[in-house]
Amino acid sequence: MLVPDSSRALKDCSGAFCWAREDEGSLQLALALLLDVTGETETALEWHEMFCRKYVQELSDTWTVPEIDIALWLYCFENSRPAV
């Protein structure tokens, strides 16, 4: 089960997860999901805000997200943007 604790150690947006809306709980969930799937602090911090806007805020009230979906989302965004 995914819990906010490990992602809060990285960046404390909220003590609870939320989704389907724009708030700190959605940001915390986005960060936690990316950290869980990639295991990379830098990647999770770099992409969590966009992942929240484009993915987490679009989740329905009840959802399940396979790891591969998150990995593919990240791969597509990392490879579709010019390097900064």
PDB file of N, CA and C in Angstrom:
ATOM      1  N   MET A   1       0.836  -1.173   0.000  1.00  0.00           N
ATOM      2  CA  MET A   1       0.000   0.000   0.000  1.00  0.00           C
ATOM      3  C   MET A   1       0.888   1.247   0.000  1.00  0.00           C
ATOM      4  N   LEU A   2       0.524   2.191  -0.818  1.00  0.00           N
ATOM      5  CA  LEU A   2       1.250   3.444  -0.934  1.00  0.00           C
ATOM      6  C   LEU A   2       0.831   4.389   0.188  1.00  0.00           C
ATOM      7  N   VAL A   3       1.806   4.933   0.891  1.00  0.00           N
ATOM      8  CA  VAL A   3       1.526   5.888   1.974  1.00  0.00           C
ATOM      9  C   VAL A   3       2.328   7.166   1.717  1.00  0.00           C
ATOM     10  N   PRO A   4       1.859   8.300   2.233  1.00  0.00           N
ATOM     11  CA  PRO A   4       2.539   9.572   1.968  1.00  0.00           C
ATOM     12  C   PRO A   4       3.917   9.733   2.606  1.00  0.00           C
ATOM     13  N   ASP A   5       4.252   8.932   3.594  1.00  0.00           N
ATOM     14  CA  ASP A   5       5.451   9.168   4.399  1.00  0.00           C
ATOM     15  C   ASP A   5       6.749   9.313   3.602  1.00  0.00           C
ATOM     16  N   SER A   6       7.041   8.370   2.705  1.00  0.00           N
ATOM     17  CA  SER A   6       8.325   8.440   1.990  1.00  0.00           C
ATOM     18  C   SER A   6       8.375   9.643   1.056  1.00  0.00           C
ATOM     19  N   SER A   7       7.268   9.973   0.433  1.00  0.00           N
ATOM     20  CA  SER A   7       7.265  11.139  -0.452  1.00  0.00           C
ATOM     21  C   SER A   7       7.278  12.437   0.356  1.00  0.00           C
ATOM     22  N   ARG A   8       6.695  12.431   1.546  1.00  0.00           N
ATOM     23  CA  ARG A   8       6.714  13.632   2.402  1.00  0.00           C
ATOM     24  C   ARG A   8       8.125  13.932   2.895  1.00  0.00           C
ATOM     25  N   ALA A   9       8.947  12.902   3.028  1.00  0.00           N
ATOM     26  CA  ALA A   9      10.339  13.122   3.417  1.00  0.00           C
ATOM     27  C   ALA A   9      11.085  13.876   2.316  1.00  0.00           C
ATOM     28  N   LEU A  10      10.620  13.717   1.097  1.00  0.00           N
ATOM     29  CA  LEU A  10      11.199  14.385  -0.060  1.00  0.00           C
ATOM     30  C   LEU A  10      10.686  15.812  -0.196  1.00  0.00           C
ATOM     31  N   LYS A  11       9.367  15.948  -0.144  1.00  0.00           N
ATOM     32  CA  LYS A  11       8.703  17.256  -0.223  1.00  0.00           C
ATOM     33  C   LYS A  11       7.342  17.108   0.445  1.00  0.00           C
ATOM     34  N   ASP A  12       7.111  17.895   1.455  1.00  0.00           N
ATOM     35  CA  ASP A  12       5.872  17.786   2.223  1.00  0.00           C
ATOM     36  C   ASP A  12       4.806  18.722   1.657  1.00  0.00           C
ATOM     37  N   CYS A  13       3.969  18.174   0.782  1.00  0.00           N
ATOM     38  CA  CYS A  13       2.862  18.943   0.203  1.00  0.00           C
ATOM     39  C   CYS A  13       1.613  18.784   1.050  1.00  0.00           C
ATOM     40  N   SER A  14       1.386  17.551   1.555  1.00  0.00           N
ATOM     41  CA  SER A  14       0.163  17.255   2.299  1.00  0.00           C
ATOM     42  C   SER A  14       0.343  15.965   3.093  1.00  0.00           C
ATOM     43  N   GLY A  15      -0.397  15.829   4.166  1.00  0.00           N
ATOM     44  CA  GLY A  15      -0.349  14.624   4.981  1.00  0.00           C
ATOM     45  C   GLY A  15      -1.247  13.510   4.460  1.00  0.00           C
ATOM     46  N   ALA A  16      -2.029  13.809   3.439  1.00  0.00           N
ATOM     47  CA  ALA A  16      -2.963  12.816   2.893  1.00  0.00           C
ATOM     48  C   ALA A  16      -2.992  12.921   1.376  1.00  0.00           C
ATOM     49  N   PHE A  17      -3.318  11.819   0.736  1.00  0.00           N
ATOM     50  CA  PHE A  17      -3.455  11.798  -0.710  1.00  0.00           C
ATOM     51  C   PHE A  17      -4.851  12.244  -1.127  1.00  0.00           C
ATOM     52  N   CYS A  18      -4.917  12.920  -2.246  1.00  0.00           N
ATOM     53  CA  CYS A  18      -6.174  13.273  -2.901  1.00  0.00           C
ATOM     54  C   CYS A  18      -5.967  13.090  -4.399  1.00  0.00           C
ATOM     55  N   TRP A  19      -7.037  13.112  -5.146  1.00  0.00           N
ATOM     56  CA  TRP A  19      -6.966  13.032  -6.596  1.00  0.00           C
ATOM     57  C   TRP A  19      -8.242  13.633  -7.166  1.00  0.00           C
ATOM     58  N   ALA A  20      -8.270  13.775  -8.469  1.00  0.00           N
ATOM     59  CA  ALA A  20      -9.427  14.308  -9.186  1.00  0.00           C
ATOM     60  C   ALA A  20      -9.701  15.773  -8.859  1.00  0.00           C
ATOM     61  N   ARG A  21      -8.727  16.443  -8.304  1.00  0.00           N
ATOM     62  CA  ARG A  21      -8.865  17.885  -8.062  1.00  0.00           C
ATOM     63  C   ARG A  21      -7.473  18.507  -7.922  1.00  0.00           C
ATOM     64  N   GLU A  22      -7.444  19.818  -7.977  1.00  0.00           N
ATOM     65  CA  GLU A  22      -6.187  20.542  -7.875  1.00  0.00           C
ATOM     66  C   GLU A  22      -5.963  20.957  -6.422  1.00  0.00           C
ATOM     67  N   ASP A  23      -5.117  20.219  -5.720  1.00  0.00           N
ATOM     68  CA  ASP A  23      -4.785  20.563  -4.343  1.00  0.00           C
ATOM     69  C   ASP A  23      -3.473  19.902  -3.933  1.00  0.00           C
ATOM     70  N   GLU A  24      -3.047  20.181  -2.717  1.00  0.00           N
ATOM     71  CA  GLU A  24      -1.770  19.665  -2.232  1.00  0.00           C
ATOM     72  C   GLU A  24      -1.763  18.148  -2.095  1.00  0.00           C
ATOM     73  N   GLY A  25      -2.916  17.550  -1.772  1.00  0.00           N
ATOM     74  CA  GLY A  25      -3.004  16.100  -1.665  1.00  0.00           C
ATOM     75  C   GLY A  25      -2.770  15.409  -3.001  1.00  0.00           C
ATOM     76  N   SER A  26      -3.212  16.046  -4.075  1.00  0.00           N
ATOM     77  CA  SER A  26      -2.963  15.510  -5.422  1.00  0.00           C
ATOM     78  C   SER A  26      -1.482  15.607  -5.773  1.00  0.00           C
ATOM     79  N   LEU A  27      -0.854  16.716  -5.383  1.00  0.00           N
ATOM     80  CA  LEU A  27       0.596  16.845  -5.592  1.00  0.00           C
ATOM     81  C   LEU A  27       1.364  15.777  -4.824  1.00  0.00           C
ATOM     82  N   GLN A  28       0.933  15.513  -3.584  1.00  0.00           N
ATOM     83  CA  GLN A  28       1.608  14.493  -2.777  1.00  0.00           C
ATOM     84  C   GLN A  28       1.454  13.118  -3.402  1.00  0.00           C
ATOM     85  N   LEU A  29       0.271  12.817  -3.923  1.00  0.00           N
ATOM     86  CA  LEU A  29       0.051  11.526  -4.583  1.00  0.00           C
ATOM     87  C   LEU A  29       0.896  11.413  -5.842  1.00  0.00           C
ATOM     88  N   ALA A  30       0.958  12.465  -6.629  1.00  0.00           N
ATOM     89  CA  ALA A  30       1.778  12.437  -7.839  1.00  0.00           C
ATOM     90  C   ALA A  30       3.238  12.164  -7.498  1.00  0.00           C
ATOM     91  N   LEU A  31       3.741  12.848  -6.497  1.00  0.00           N
ATOM     92  CA  LEU A  31       5.124  12.647  -6.062  1.00  0.00           C
ATOM     93  C   LEU A  31       5.342  11.223  -5.574  1.00  0.00           C
ATOM     94  N   ALA A  32       4.424  10.717  -4.773  1.00  0.00           N
ATOM     95  CA  ALA A  32       4.546   9.357  -4.228  1.00  0.00           C
ATOM     96  C   ALA A  32       4.508   8.302  -5.336  1.00  0.00           C
ATOM     97  N   LEU A  33       3.615   8.461  -6.296  1.00  0.00           N
ATOM     98  CA  LEU A  33       3.520   7.492  -7.394  1.00  0.00           C
ATOM     99  C   LEU A  33       4.793   7.484  -8.228  1.00  0.00           C
ATOM    100  N   LEU A  34       5.287   8.659  -8.578  1.00  0.00           N
ATOM    101  CA  LEU A  34       6.518   8.718  -9.366  1.00  0.00           C
ATOM    102  C   LEU A  34       7.714   8.164  -8.600  1.00  0.00           C
ATOM    103  N   LEU A  35       7.800   8.479  -7.328  1.00  0.00           N
ATOM    104  CA  LEU A  35       8.892   7.953  -6.504  1.00  0.00           C
ATOM    105  C   LEU A  35       8.815   6.434  -6.388  1.00  0.00           C
ATOM    106  N   ASP A  36       7.608   5.928  -6.212  1.00  0.00           N
ATOM    107  CA  ASP A  36       7.411   4.486  -6.091  1.00  0.00           C
ATOM    108  C   ASP A  36       7.787   3.753  -7.377  1.00  0.00           C
ATOM    109  N   VAL A  37       7.392   4.293  -8.505  1.00  0.00           N
ATOM    110  CA  VAL A  37       7.635   3.622  -9.787  1.00  0.00           C
ATOM    111  C   VAL A  37       9.091   3.751 -10.226  1.00  0.00           C
ATOM    112  N   THR A  38       9.675   4.939 -10.063  1.00  0.00           N
ATOM    113  CA  THR A  38      11.045   5.141 -10.565  1.00  0.00           C
ATOM    114  C   THR A  38      12.119   4.849  -9.524  1.00  0.00           C
ATOM    115  N   GLY A  39      11.795   5.086  -8.252  1.00  0.00           N
ATOM    116  CA  GLY A  39      12.808   4.960  -7.213  1.00  0.00           C
ATOM    117  C   GLY A  39      13.841   6.071  -7.276  1.00  0.00           C
ATOM    118  N   GLU A  40      13.558   7.107  -8.071  1.00  0.00           N
ATOM    119  CA  GLU A  40      14.510   8.195  -8.289  1.00  0.00           C
ATOM    120  C   GLU A  40      13.967   9.509  -7.743  1.00  0.00           C
ATOM    121  N   THR A  41      14.613  10.018  -6.737  1.00  0.00           N
ATOM    122  CA  THR A  41      14.216  11.263  -6.098  1.00  0.00           C
ATOM    123  C   THR A  41      14.172  12.416  -7.092  1.00  0.00           C
ATOM    124  N   GLU A  42      15.235  12.573  -7.848  1.00  0.00           N
ATOM    125  CA  GLU A  42      15.343  13.677  -8.789  1.00  0.00           C
ATOM    126  C   GLU A  42      14.221  13.645  -9.832  1.00  0.00           C
ATOM    127  N   THR A  43      13.947  12.472 -10.385  1.00  0.00           N
ATOM    128  CA  THR A  43      12.890  12.330 -11.383  1.00  0.00           C
ATOM    129  C   THR A  43      11.528  12.652 -10.792  1.00  0.00           C
ATOM    130  N   ALA A  44      11.257  12.138  -9.616  1.00  0.00           N
ATOM    131  CA  ALA A  44       9.967  12.389  -8.963  1.00  0.00           C
ATOM    132  C   ALA A  44       9.764  13.874  -8.700  1.00  0.00           C
ATOM    133  N   LEU A  45      10.795  14.544  -8.207  1.00  0.00           N
ATOM    134  CA  LEU A  45      10.689  15.974  -7.933  1.00  0.00           C
ATOM    135  C   LEU A  45      10.544  16.790  -9.215  1.00  0.00           C
ATOM    136  N   GLU A  46      11.241  16.392 -10.240  1.00  0.00           N
ATOM    137  CA  GLU A  46      11.198  17.130 -11.501  1.00  0.00           C
ATOM    138  C   GLU A  46       9.826  17.061 -12.176  1.00  0.00           C
ATOM    139  N   TRP A  47       9.163  15.914 -12.093  1.00  0.00           N
ATOM    140  CA  TRP A  47       7.956  15.687 -12.885  1.00  0.00           C
ATOM    141  C   TRP A  47       6.650  15.687 -12.103  1.00  0.00           C
ATOM    142  N   HIS A  48       6.672  15.750 -10.772  1.00  0.00           N
ATOM    143  CA  HIS A  48       5.433  15.544 -10.019  1.00  0.00           C
ATOM    144  C   HIS A  48       4.370  16.611 -10.269  1.00  0.00           C
ATOM    145  N   GLU A  49       4.764  17.849 -10.492  1.00  0.00           N
ATOM    146  CA  GLU A  49       3.753  18.890 -10.719  1.00  0.00           C
ATOM    147  C   GLU A  49       3.023  18.681 -12.045  1.00  0.00           C
ATOM    148  N   MET A  50       3.765  18.370 -13.098  1.00  0.00           N
ATOM    149  CA  MET A  50       3.130  18.120 -14.384  1.00  0.00           C
ATOM    150  C   MET A  50       2.322  16.822 -14.341  1.00  0.00           C
ATOM    151  N   PHE A  51       2.859  15.801 -13.691  1.00  0.00           N
ATOM    152  CA  PHE A  51       2.142  14.531 -13.567  1.00  0.00           C
ATOM    153  C   PHE A  51       0.826  14.733 -12.819  1.00  0.00           C
ATOM    154  N   CYS A  52       0.853  15.584 -11.836  1.00  0.00           N
ATOM    155  CA  CYS A  52      -0.357  15.902 -11.088  1.00  0.00           C
ATOM    156  C   CYS A  52      -1.392  16.555 -12.004  1.00  0.00           C
ATOM    157  N   ARG A  53      -0.969  17.586 -12.742  1.00  0.00           N
ATOM    158  CA  ARG A  53      -1.896  18.314 -13.627  1.00  0.00           C
ATOM    159  C   ARG A  53      -2.435  17.438 -14.742  1.00  0.00           C
ATOM    160  N   LYS A  54      -1.586  16.645 -15.345  1.00  0.00           N
ATOM    161  CA  LYS A  54      -1.968  15.885 -16.530  1.00  0.00           C
ATOM    162  C   LYS A  54      -2.563  14.514 -16.228  1.00  0.00           C
ATOM    163  N   TYR A  55      -2.317  13.972 -15.040  1.00  0.00           N
ATOM    164  CA  TYR A  55      -2.720  12.592 -14.771  1.00  0.00           C
ATOM    165  C   TYR A  55      -3.539  12.456 -13.483  1.00  0.00           C
ATOM    166  N   VAL A  56      -2.958  12.818 -12.365  1.00  0.00           N
ATOM    167  CA  VAL A  56      -3.594  12.593 -11.068  1.00  0.00           C
ATOM    168  C   VAL A  56      -4.905  13.369 -10.935  1.00  0.00           C
ATOM    169  N   GLN A  57      -4.926  14.597 -11.425  1.00  0.00           N
ATOM    170  CA  GLN A  57      -6.148  15.394 -11.335  1.00  0.00           C
ATOM    171  C   GLN A  57      -7.255  14.856 -12.235  1.00  0.00           C
ATOM    172  N   GLU A  58      -6.906  13.985 -13.168  1.00  0.00           N
ATOM    173  CA  GLU A  58      -7.887  13.401 -14.083  1.00  0.00           C
ATOM    174  C   GLU A  58      -8.413  12.040 -13.605  1.00  0.00           C
ATOM    175  N   LEU A  59      -7.884  11.527 -12.517  1.00  0.00           N
ATOM    176  CA  LEU A  59      -8.336  10.229 -12.004  1.00  0.00           C
ATOM    177  C   LEU A  59      -9.776  10.325 -11.511  1.00  0.00           C
ATOM    178  N   SER A  60     -10.504   9.233 -11.679  1.00  0.00           N
ATOM    179  CA  SER A  60     -11.883   9.195 -11.179  1.00  0.00           C
ATOM    180  C   SER A  60     -11.881   8.921  -9.677  1.00  0.00           C
ATOM    181  N   ASP A  61     -13.069   8.909  -9.078  1.00  0.00           N
ATOM    182  CA  ASP A  61     -13.180   8.673  -7.636  1.00  0.00           C
ATOM    183  C   ASP A  61     -12.574   7.335  -7.222  1.00  0.00           C
ATOM    184  N   THR A  62     -12.789   6.316  -8.023  1.00  0.00           N
ATOM    185  CA  THR A  62     -12.178   5.004  -7.776  1.00  0.00           C
ATOM    186  C   THR A  62     -11.242   4.714  -8.945  1.00  0.00           C
ATOM    187  N   TRP A  63     -10.012   4.383  -8.633  1.00  0.00           N
ATOM    188  CA  TRP A  63      -9.031   4.191  -9.692  1.00  0.00           C
ATOM    189  C   TRP A  63      -8.016   3.132  -9.321  1.00  0.00           C
ATOM    190  N   THR A  64      -7.416   2.598 -10.341  1.00  0.00           N
ATOM    191  CA  THR A  64      -6.274   1.702 -10.230  1.00  0.00           C
ATOM    192  C   THR A  64      -5.324   2.092 -11.351  1.00  0.00           C
ATOM    193  N   VAL A  65      -4.068   2.253 -11.030  1.00  0.00           N
ATOM    194  CA  VAL A  65      -3.093   2.648 -12.037  1.00  0.00           C
ATOM    195  C   VAL A  65      -1.961   1.626 -12.047  1.00  0.00           C
ATOM    196  N   PRO A  66      -1.846   0.867 -13.133  1.00  0.00           N
ATOM    197  CA  PRO A  66      -0.715  -0.055 -13.236  1.00  0.00           C
ATOM    198  C   PRO A  66       0.609   0.716 -13.339  1.00  0.00           C
ATOM    199  N   GLU A  67       1.649   0.163 -12.766  1.00  0.00           N
ATOM    200  CA  GLU A  67       2.970   0.785 -12.810  1.00  0.00           C
ATOM    201  C   GLU A  67       3.383   1.142 -14.224  1.00  0.00           C
ATOM    202  N   ILE A  68       3.077   0.267 -15.165  1.00  0.00           N
ATOM    203  CA  ILE A  68       3.483   0.484 -16.553  1.00  0.00           C
ATOM    204  C   ILE A  68       2.865   1.759 -17.114  1.00  0.00           C
ATOM    205  N   ASP A  69       1.661   2.105 -16.709  1.00  0.00           N
ATOM    206  CA  ASP A  69       1.027   3.338 -17.183  1.00  0.00           C
ATOM    207  C   ASP A  69       1.818   4.567 -16.735  1.00  0.00           C
ATOM    208  N   ILE A  70       2.271   4.552 -15.509  1.00  0.00           N
ATOM    209  CA  ILE A  70       3.053   5.679 -14.992  1.00  0.00           C
ATOM    210  C   ILE A  70       4.411   5.731 -15.688  1.00  0.00           C
ATOM    211  N   ALA A  71       5.043   4.583 -15.845  1.00  0.00           N
ATOM    212  CA  ALA A  71       6.339   4.520 -16.525  1.00  0.00           C
ATOM    213  C   ALA A  71       6.217   5.002 -17.973  1.00  0.00           C
ATOM    214  N   LEU A  72       5.162   4.618 -18.659  1.00  0.00           N
ATOM    215  CA  LEU A  72       4.956   5.068 -20.040  1.00  0.00           C
ATOM    216  C   LEU A  72       4.669   6.564 -20.111  1.00  0.00           C
ATOM    217  N   TRP A  73       3.870   7.072 -19.181  1.00  0.00           N
ATOM    218  CA  TRP A  73       3.606   8.508 -19.136  1.00  0.00           C
ATOM    219  C   TRP A  73       4.925   9.271 -18.993  1.00  0.00           C
ATOM    220  N   LEU A  74       5.732   8.841 -18.049  1.00  0.00           N
ATOM    221  CA  LEU A  74       7.001   9.498 -17.786  1.00  0.00           C
ATOM    222  C   LEU A  74       7.930   9.403 -19.001  1.00  0.00           C
ATOM    223  N   TYR A  75       8.007   8.236 -19.593  1.00  0.00           N
ATOM    224  CA  TYR A  75       8.853   8.040 -20.774  1.00  0.00           C
ATOM    225  C   TYR A  75       8.431   8.991 -21.896  1.00  0.00           C
ATOM    226  N   CYS A  76       7.140   9.080 -22.144  1.00  0.00           N
ATOM    227  CA  CYS A  76       6.630   9.950 -23.212  1.00  0.00           C
ATOM    228  C   CYS A  76       6.951  11.409 -22.941  1.00  0.00           C
ATOM    229  N   PHE A  77       6.744  11.867 -21.723  1.00  0.00           N
ATOM    230  CA  PHE A  77       7.020  13.274 -21.418  1.00  0.00           C
ATOM    231  C   PHE A  77       8.508  13.576 -21.403  1.00  0.00           C
ATOM    232  N   GLU A  78       9.303  12.677 -20.885  1.00  0.00           N
ATOM    233  CA  GLU A  78      10.748  12.907 -20.860  1.00  0.00           C
ATOM    234  C   GLU A  78      11.328  12.960 -22.274  1.00  0.00           C
ATOM    235  N   ASN A  79      10.756  12.204 -23.174  1.00  0.00           N
ATOM    236  CA  ASN A  79      11.299  12.103 -24.526  1.00  0.00           C
ATOM    237  C   ASN A  79      10.615  13.008 -25.539  1.00  0.00           C
ATOM    238  N   SER A  80       9.579  13.704 -25.140  1.00  0.00           N
ATOM    239  CA  SER A  80       8.903  14.599 -26.076  1.00  0.00           C
ATOM    240  C   SER A  80       9.289  16.055 -25.871  1.00  0.00           C
ATOM    241  N   ARG A  81      10.016  16.338 -24.832  1.00  0.00           N
ATOM    242  CA  ARG A  81      10.423  17.708 -24.525  1.00  0.00           C
ATOM    243  C   ARG A  81      11.925  17.879 -24.798  1.00  0.00           C
ATOM    244  N   PRO A  82      12.288  19.028 -25.363  1.00  0.00           N
ATOM    245  CA  PRO A  82      13.720  19.284 -25.544  1.00  0.00           C
ATOM    246  C   PRO A  82      14.429  19.395 -24.200  1.00  0.00           C
ATOM    247  N   ALA A  83      15.644  18.954 -24.156  1.00  0.00           N
ATOM    248  CA  ALA A  83      16.430  19.057 -22.917  1.00  0.00           C
ATOM    249  C   ALA A  83      16.651  20.515 -22.569  1.00  0.00           C
ATOM    250  N   VAL A  84      16.578  20.816 -21.282  1.00  0.00           N
ATOM    251  CA  VAL A  84      16.771  22.199 -20.828  1.00  0.00           C
ATOM    252  C   VAL A  84      18.179  22.391 -20.350  1.00  0.00           C
TER     253      VAL A  84
END
